[in-house]
Amino acid sequence: MPRASKATWDSVRRVMQRLPGAVEGTSYGTAAFHVRRKFLVRLREDGETLAVRCDFDERDARMAADPKAFFITDHYKNYPAICVRLAAVKAADLKSVLESAWRREAGSRLVEELERKASR
């Protein structure tokens, strides 16, 4: 079976650009996306991992399911976020964690907009 290609910031951008209200910018000097001025995801300084908004229960479940792709550092221990290794994350899991972060912060109007687009 061929190995899946490594995710990149462009992979993140492709997912985020289809989510209403997602705005590309920067956070702590690195590429990032926000919605309604709320942080969603950023490329960490190493250029190989992401920090993604994520509640604690979801974070625990993702780390248990795929610890090679999902982890935290001491810095994020008490913060609702998860770190994602771009080289290890499956495309479906990347899309899922990004959309989950967006849904948490987007608000009902933007979520409804996405669902209307999906039902067409």
N, C-alpha and C. Protein backbone atom coordinates (compact mmCIF):
# COMPACT_ATOMS: atom_id res chain seq x y z
N MET A 1 0.85 -1.18 0.00
CA MET A 1 0.00 0.00 0.00
C MET A 1 0.89 1.24 0.00
N PRO A 2 0.64 2.21 -0.90
CA PRO A 2 1.47 3.41 -0.93
C PRO A 2 1.25 4.26 0.31
N ARG A 3 2.31 4.90 0.73
CA ARG A 3 2.26 5.77 1.90
C ARG A 3 1.55 7.07 1.54
N ALA A 4 0.69 7.52 2.45
CA ALA A 4 -0.03 8.78 2.22
C ALA A 4 0.98 9.93 2.21
N SER A 5 0.69 10.95 1.41
CA SER A 5 1.61 12.08 1.37
C SER A 5 1.50 12.90 2.64
N LYS A 6 2.59 13.52 3.00
CA LYS A 6 2.69 14.33 4.21
C LYS A 6 1.83 15.59 4.08
N ALA A 7 1.11 15.90 5.14
CA ALA A 7 0.32 17.13 5.17
C ALA A 7 1.26 18.33 5.27
N THR A 8 0.81 19.46 4.77
CA THR A 8 1.58 20.71 4.80
C THR A 8 0.65 21.84 5.21
N TRP A 9 1.20 23.05 5.34
CA TRP A 9 0.34 24.19 5.62
C TRP A 9 -0.66 24.39 4.49
N ASP A 10 -0.27 24.06 3.25
CA ASP A 10 -1.22 24.15 2.14
C ASP A 10 -2.40 23.19 2.33
N SER A 11 -2.15 22.04 2.95
CA SER A 11 -3.24 21.10 3.26
C SER A 11 -4.21 21.76 4.24
N VAL A 12 -3.66 22.42 5.24
CA VAL A 12 -4.48 23.14 6.22
C VAL A 12 -5.27 24.23 5.51
N ARG A 13 -4.61 24.99 4.68
CA ARG A 13 -5.24 26.10 3.96
C ARG A 13 -6.42 25.59 3.11
N ARG A 14 -6.25 24.46 2.43
CA ARG A 14 -7.34 23.92 1.59
C ARG A 14 -8.57 23.58 2.43
N VAL A 15 -8.37 23.01 3.60
CA VAL A 15 -9.49 22.70 4.49
C VAL A 15 -10.14 23.99 4.98
N MET A 16 -9.32 24.91 5.47
CA MET A 16 -9.84 26.11 6.10
C MET A 16 -10.55 27.04 5.11
N GLN A 17 -10.08 27.08 3.88
CA GLN A 17 -10.68 28.00 2.90
C GLN A 17 -12.10 27.62 2.53
N ARG A 18 -12.52 26.41 2.80
CA ARG A 18 -13.89 26.02 2.51
C ARG A 18 -14.83 26.28 3.68
N LEU A 19 -14.29 26.75 4.81
CA LEU A 19 -15.10 27.01 6.00
C LEU A 19 -15.47 28.49 6.06
N PRO A 20 -16.77 28.81 6.04
CA PRO A 20 -17.19 30.21 6.04
C PRO A 20 -16.59 31.01 7.21
N GLY A 21 -16.11 32.18 6.89
CA GLY A 21 -15.60 33.08 7.92
C GLY A 21 -14.19 32.82 8.38
N ALA A 22 -13.57 31.73 7.92
CA ALA A 22 -12.19 31.44 8.30
C ALA A 22 -11.27 32.44 7.59
N VAL A 23 -10.42 33.09 8.37
CA VAL A 23 -9.56 34.15 7.85
C VAL A 23 -8.10 33.78 8.12
N GLU A 24 -7.30 33.81 7.06
CA GLU A 24 -5.87 33.52 7.22
C GLU A 24 -5.16 34.76 7.71
N GLY A 25 -4.22 34.57 8.61
CA GLY A 25 -3.43 35.66 9.14
C GLY A 25 -2.22 35.09 9.84
N THR A 26 -1.86 35.69 10.96
CA THR A 26 -0.73 35.19 11.73
C THR A 26 -1.09 35.13 13.21
N SER A 27 -0.33 34.33 13.93
CA SER A 27 -0.44 34.22 15.38
C SER A 27 0.96 33.90 15.89
N TYR A 28 1.45 34.70 16.81
CA TYR A 28 2.81 34.53 17.33
C TYR A 28 3.83 34.46 16.20
N GLY A 29 3.59 35.23 15.14
CA GLY A 29 4.54 35.34 14.05
C GLY A 29 4.52 34.19 13.06
N THR A 30 3.55 33.30 13.18
CA THR A 30 3.46 32.18 12.24
C THR A 30 2.10 32.20 11.55
N ALA A 31 2.00 31.49 10.43
CA ALA A 31 0.75 31.39 9.68
C ALA A 31 -0.35 30.82 10.57
N ALA A 32 -1.56 31.37 10.42
CA ALA A 32 -2.66 30.96 11.29
C ALA A 32 -4.00 31.21 10.61
N PHE A 33 -5.05 30.63 11.19
CA PHE A 33 -6.42 30.92 10.79
C PHE A 33 -7.22 31.25 12.04
N HIS A 34 -8.16 32.19 11.85
CA HIS A 34 -9.09 32.62 12.89
C HIS A 34 -10.49 32.62 12.30
N VAL A 35 -11.48 32.62 13.16
CA VAL A 35 -12.86 32.87 12.75
C VAL A 35 -13.46 33.79 13.82
N ARG A 36 -14.13 34.83 13.38
CA ARG A 36 -14.70 35.82 14.30
C ARG A 36 -13.66 36.31 15.31
N ARG A 37 -12.43 36.48 14.82
CA ARG A 37 -11.29 36.96 15.61
C ARG A 37 -10.87 35.97 16.71
N LYS A 38 -11.31 34.73 16.59
CA LYS A 38 -10.93 33.71 17.56
C LYS A 38 -9.96 32.73 16.91
N PHE A 39 -8.91 32.40 17.64
CA PHE A 39 -7.88 31.49 17.17
C PHE A 39 -8.44 30.11 16.84
N LEU A 40 -8.01 29.56 15.70
CA LEU A 40 -8.36 28.19 15.32
C LEU A 40 -7.14 27.30 15.21
N VAL A 41 -6.16 27.73 14.41
CA VAL A 41 -4.99 26.90 14.15
C VAL A 41 -3.82 27.79 13.76
N ARG A 42 -2.63 27.35 14.13
CA ARG A 42 -1.43 28.04 13.68
C ARG A 42 -0.33 27.02 13.44
N LEU A 43 0.57 27.39 12.55
CA LEU A 43 1.78 26.61 12.31
C LEU A 43 2.76 26.97 13.41
N ARG A 44 3.26 25.98 14.12
CA ARG A 44 4.21 26.27 15.19
C ARG A 44 5.56 26.66 14.58
N GLU A 45 6.43 27.21 15.40
CA GLU A 45 7.71 27.74 14.94
C GLU A 45 8.60 26.71 14.25
N ASP A 46 8.42 25.43 14.56
CA ASP A 46 9.26 24.40 13.91
C ASP A 46 8.85 24.14 12.46
N GLY A 47 7.69 24.66 12.04
CA GLY A 47 7.23 24.47 10.67
C GLY A 47 6.73 23.06 10.38
N GLU A 48 6.70 22.20 11.39
CA GLU A 48 6.33 20.80 11.20
C GLU A 48 5.12 20.38 12.01
N THR A 49 4.67 21.24 12.92
CA THR A 49 3.52 20.91 13.76
C THR A 49 2.56 22.08 13.81
N LEU A 50 1.32 21.75 14.15
CA LEU A 50 0.27 22.73 14.30
C LEU A 50 -0.14 22.81 15.76
N ALA A 51 -0.68 23.94 16.14
CA ALA A 51 -1.43 24.08 17.38
C ALA A 51 -2.86 24.36 16.94
N VAL A 52 -3.81 23.54 17.41
CA VAL A 52 -5.20 23.63 16.99
C VAL A 52 -6.10 23.76 18.21
N ARG A 53 -7.05 24.68 18.17
CA ARG A 53 -8.04 24.81 19.24
C ARG A 53 -8.77 23.48 19.37
N CYS A 54 -8.90 23.00 20.60
CA CYS A 54 -9.48 21.68 20.83
C CYS A 54 -9.90 21.57 22.29
N ASP A 55 -11.13 21.12 22.58
CA ASP A 55 -11.50 21.00 23.99
C ASP A 55 -10.77 19.80 24.60
N PHE A 56 -10.76 19.74 25.91
CA PHE A 56 -9.95 18.75 26.62
C PHE A 56 -10.39 17.31 26.37
N ASP A 57 -11.70 17.06 26.30
CA ASP A 57 -12.18 15.70 26.05
C ASP A 57 -11.78 15.22 24.65
N GLU A 58 -11.97 16.09 23.65
CA GLU A 58 -11.59 15.74 22.29
C GLU A 58 -10.08 15.52 22.21
N ARG A 59 -9.33 16.38 22.87
CA ARG A 59 -7.87 16.26 22.87
C ARG A 59 -7.44 14.91 23.42
N ASP A 60 -8.00 14.52 24.57
CA ASP A 60 -7.64 13.23 25.17
C ASP A 60 -7.97 12.07 24.23
N ALA A 61 -9.13 12.14 23.60
CA ALA A 61 -9.55 11.07 22.69
C ALA A 61 -8.62 10.99 21.47
N ARG A 62 -8.28 12.13 20.90
CA ARG A 62 -7.40 12.12 19.71
C ARG A 62 -6.00 11.61 20.06
N MET A 63 -5.48 12.03 21.21
CA MET A 63 -4.13 11.57 21.60
C MET A 63 -4.14 10.06 21.87
N ALA A 64 -5.20 9.55 22.45
CA ALA A 64 -5.29 8.11 22.71
C ALA A 64 -5.42 7.33 21.40
N ALA A 65 -6.16 7.87 20.45
CA ALA A 65 -6.40 7.18 19.19
C ALA A 65 -5.18 7.18 18.26
N ASP A 66 -4.40 8.27 18.27
CA ASP A 66 -3.26 8.38 17.36
C ASP A 66 -2.16 9.25 17.97
N PRO A 67 -1.41 8.68 18.93
CA PRO A 67 -0.38 9.47 19.61
C PRO A 67 0.79 9.88 18.73
N LYS A 68 0.96 9.26 17.57
CA LYS A 68 2.03 9.69 16.67
C LYS A 68 1.67 11.02 16.00
N ALA A 69 0.38 11.25 15.79
CA ALA A 69 -0.07 12.47 15.13
C ALA A 69 -0.45 13.57 16.12
N PHE A 70 -1.05 13.20 17.25
CA PHE A 70 -1.60 14.16 18.20
C PHE A 70 -0.88 14.09 19.53
N PHE A 71 -0.52 15.27 20.07
CA PHE A 71 0.20 15.34 21.34
C PHE A 71 0.04 16.73 21.93
N ILE A 72 0.55 16.93 23.14
CA ILE A 72 0.63 18.27 23.72
C ILE A 72 2.01 18.44 24.32
N THR A 73 2.37 19.66 24.52
CA THR A 73 3.59 20.00 25.26
C THR A 73 3.15 20.59 26.59
N ASP A 74 4.08 20.79 27.50
CA ASP A 74 3.75 21.39 28.79
C ASP A 74 3.06 22.74 28.61
N HIS A 75 3.47 23.48 27.60
CA HIS A 75 2.88 24.80 27.34
C HIS A 75 1.37 24.71 27.12
N TYR A 76 0.90 23.67 26.46
CA TYR A 76 -0.51 23.54 26.12
C TYR A 76 -1.31 22.72 27.13
N LYS A 77 -0.67 22.25 28.18
CA LYS A 77 -1.32 21.36 29.15
C LYS A 77 -2.64 21.93 29.68
N ASN A 78 -2.68 23.20 30.02
CA ASN A 78 -3.88 23.82 30.59
C ASN A 78 -4.60 24.72 29.60
N TYR A 79 -4.30 24.56 28.32
CA TYR A 79 -4.90 25.39 27.29
C TYR A 79 -5.72 24.49 26.37
N PRO A 80 -6.91 24.92 25.93
CA PRO A 80 -7.74 24.06 25.07
C PRO A 80 -7.19 23.98 23.65
N ALA A 81 -6.11 23.23 23.51
CA ALA A 81 -5.46 23.08 22.21
C ALA A 81 -4.75 21.73 22.15
N ILE A 82 -4.48 21.32 20.93
CA ILE A 82 -3.75 20.08 20.69
C ILE A 82 -2.69 20.37 19.64
N CYS A 83 -1.56 19.67 19.72
CA CYS A 83 -0.51 19.77 18.71
C CYS A 83 -0.69 18.62 17.72
N VAL A 84 -0.41 18.91 16.45
CA VAL A 84 -0.59 17.94 15.38
C VAL A 84 0.69 17.86 14.55
N ARG A 85 1.25 16.67 14.44
CA ARG A 85 2.43 16.45 13.59
C ARG A 85 1.96 16.31 12.14
N LEU A 86 2.36 17.27 11.31
CA LEU A 86 1.94 17.24 9.90
C LEU A 86 2.42 15.97 9.19
N ALA A 87 3.59 15.50 9.54
CA ALA A 87 4.15 14.31 8.86
C ALA A 87 3.42 13.03 9.23
N ALA A 88 2.66 13.05 10.34
CA ALA A 88 2.04 11.81 10.83
C ALA A 88 0.53 11.79 10.73
N VAL A 89 -0.10 12.94 10.60
CA VAL A 89 -1.57 12.98 10.65
C VAL A 89 -2.18 12.50 9.33
N LYS A 90 -3.25 11.72 9.45
CA LYS A 90 -4.01 11.27 8.28
C LYS A 90 -4.85 12.44 7.78
N ALA A 91 -5.06 12.51 6.48
CA ALA A 91 -5.81 13.61 5.89
C ALA A 91 -7.20 13.75 6.51
N ALA A 92 -7.90 12.65 6.71
CA ALA A 92 -9.24 12.71 7.30
C ALA A 92 -9.21 13.24 8.72
N ASP A 93 -8.19 12.87 9.49
CA ASP A 93 -8.07 13.35 10.86
C ASP A 93 -7.72 14.83 10.90
N LEU A 94 -6.89 15.28 9.98
CA LEU A 94 -6.55 16.70 9.90
C LEU A 94 -7.82 17.50 9.60
N LYS A 95 -8.57 17.07 8.61
CA LYS A 95 -9.82 17.76 8.26
C LYS A 95 -10.76 17.77 9.46
N SER A 96 -10.87 16.66 10.14
CA SER A 96 -11.78 16.54 11.29
C SER A 96 -11.40 17.49 12.42
N VAL A 97 -10.12 17.52 12.80
CA VAL A 97 -9.72 18.37 13.92
C VAL A 97 -9.84 19.86 13.57
N LEU A 98 -9.57 20.21 12.32
CA LEU A 98 -9.70 21.60 11.90
C LEU A 98 -11.17 22.03 11.86
N GLU A 99 -12.02 21.18 11.29
CA GLU A 99 -13.44 21.52 11.22
C GLU A 99 -14.05 21.57 12.62
N SER A 100 -13.61 20.69 13.51
CA SER A 100 -14.10 20.71 14.88
C SER A 100 -13.75 22.03 15.57
N ALA A 101 -12.52 22.49 15.38
CA ALA A 101 -12.10 23.77 15.96
C ALA A 101 -12.96 24.90 15.41
N TRP A 102 -13.18 24.88 14.10
CA TRP A 102 -13.99 25.91 13.46
C TRP A 102 -15.41 25.90 13.99
N ARG A 103 -16.03 24.73 14.06
CA ARG A 103 -17.42 24.62 14.54
C ARG A 103 -17.56 25.16 15.97
N ARG A 104 -16.55 24.93 16.78
CA ARG A 104 -16.59 25.39 18.18
C ARG A 104 -16.61 26.91 18.27
N GLU A 105 -15.96 27.59 17.33
CA GLU A 105 -15.80 29.04 17.42
C GLU A 105 -16.61 29.85 16.40
N ALA A 106 -17.14 29.20 15.37
CA ALA A 106 -17.75 29.92 14.25
C ALA A 106 -19.09 30.56 14.59
N GLY A 107 -19.85 29.98 15.45
CA GLY A 107 -21.18 30.48 15.73
C GLY A 107 -22.21 29.83 14.82
N SER A 108 -23.44 29.86 15.25
CA SER A 108 -24.50 29.12 14.55
C SER A 108 -24.74 29.60 13.13
N ARG A 109 -24.64 30.90 12.87
CA ARG A 109 -24.89 31.41 11.52
C ARG A 109 -23.90 30.84 10.51
N LEU A 110 -22.62 30.82 10.85
CA LEU A 110 -21.61 30.30 9.93
C LEU A 110 -21.71 28.78 9.80
N VAL A 111 -22.02 28.09 10.88
CA VAL A 111 -22.20 26.63 10.81
C VAL A 111 -23.38 26.31 9.90
N GLU A 112 -24.47 27.04 10.03
CA GLU A 112 -25.63 26.83 9.15
C GLU A 112 -25.27 27.10 7.70
N GLU A 113 -24.46 28.11 7.47
CA GLU A 113 -24.02 28.42 6.09
C GLU A 113 -23.25 27.24 5.50
N LEU A 114 -22.34 26.66 6.27
CA LEU A 114 -21.60 25.50 5.78
C LEU A 114 -22.53 24.33 5.50
N GLU A 115 -23.48 24.10 6.39
CA GLU A 115 -24.40 22.98 6.21
C GLU A 115 -25.30 23.19 4.99
N ARG A 116 -25.71 24.43 4.72
CA ARG A 116 -26.49 24.71 3.50
C ARG A 116 -25.67 24.41 2.26
N LYS A 117 -24.41 24.81 2.26
CA LYS A 117 -23.54 24.55 1.10
C LYS A 117 -23.36 23.05 0.90
N ALA A 118 -23.21 22.30 1.99
CA ALA A 118 -22.98 20.86 1.91
C ALA A 118 -24.22 20.12 1.41
N SER A 119 -25.41 20.65 1.66
CA SER A 119 -26.63 19.96 1.27
C SER A 119 -27.03 20.22 -0.19
N ARG A 120 -26.33 21.10 -0.87
CA ARG A 120 -26.65 21.40 -2.27
C ARG A 120 -26.19 20.32 -3.20
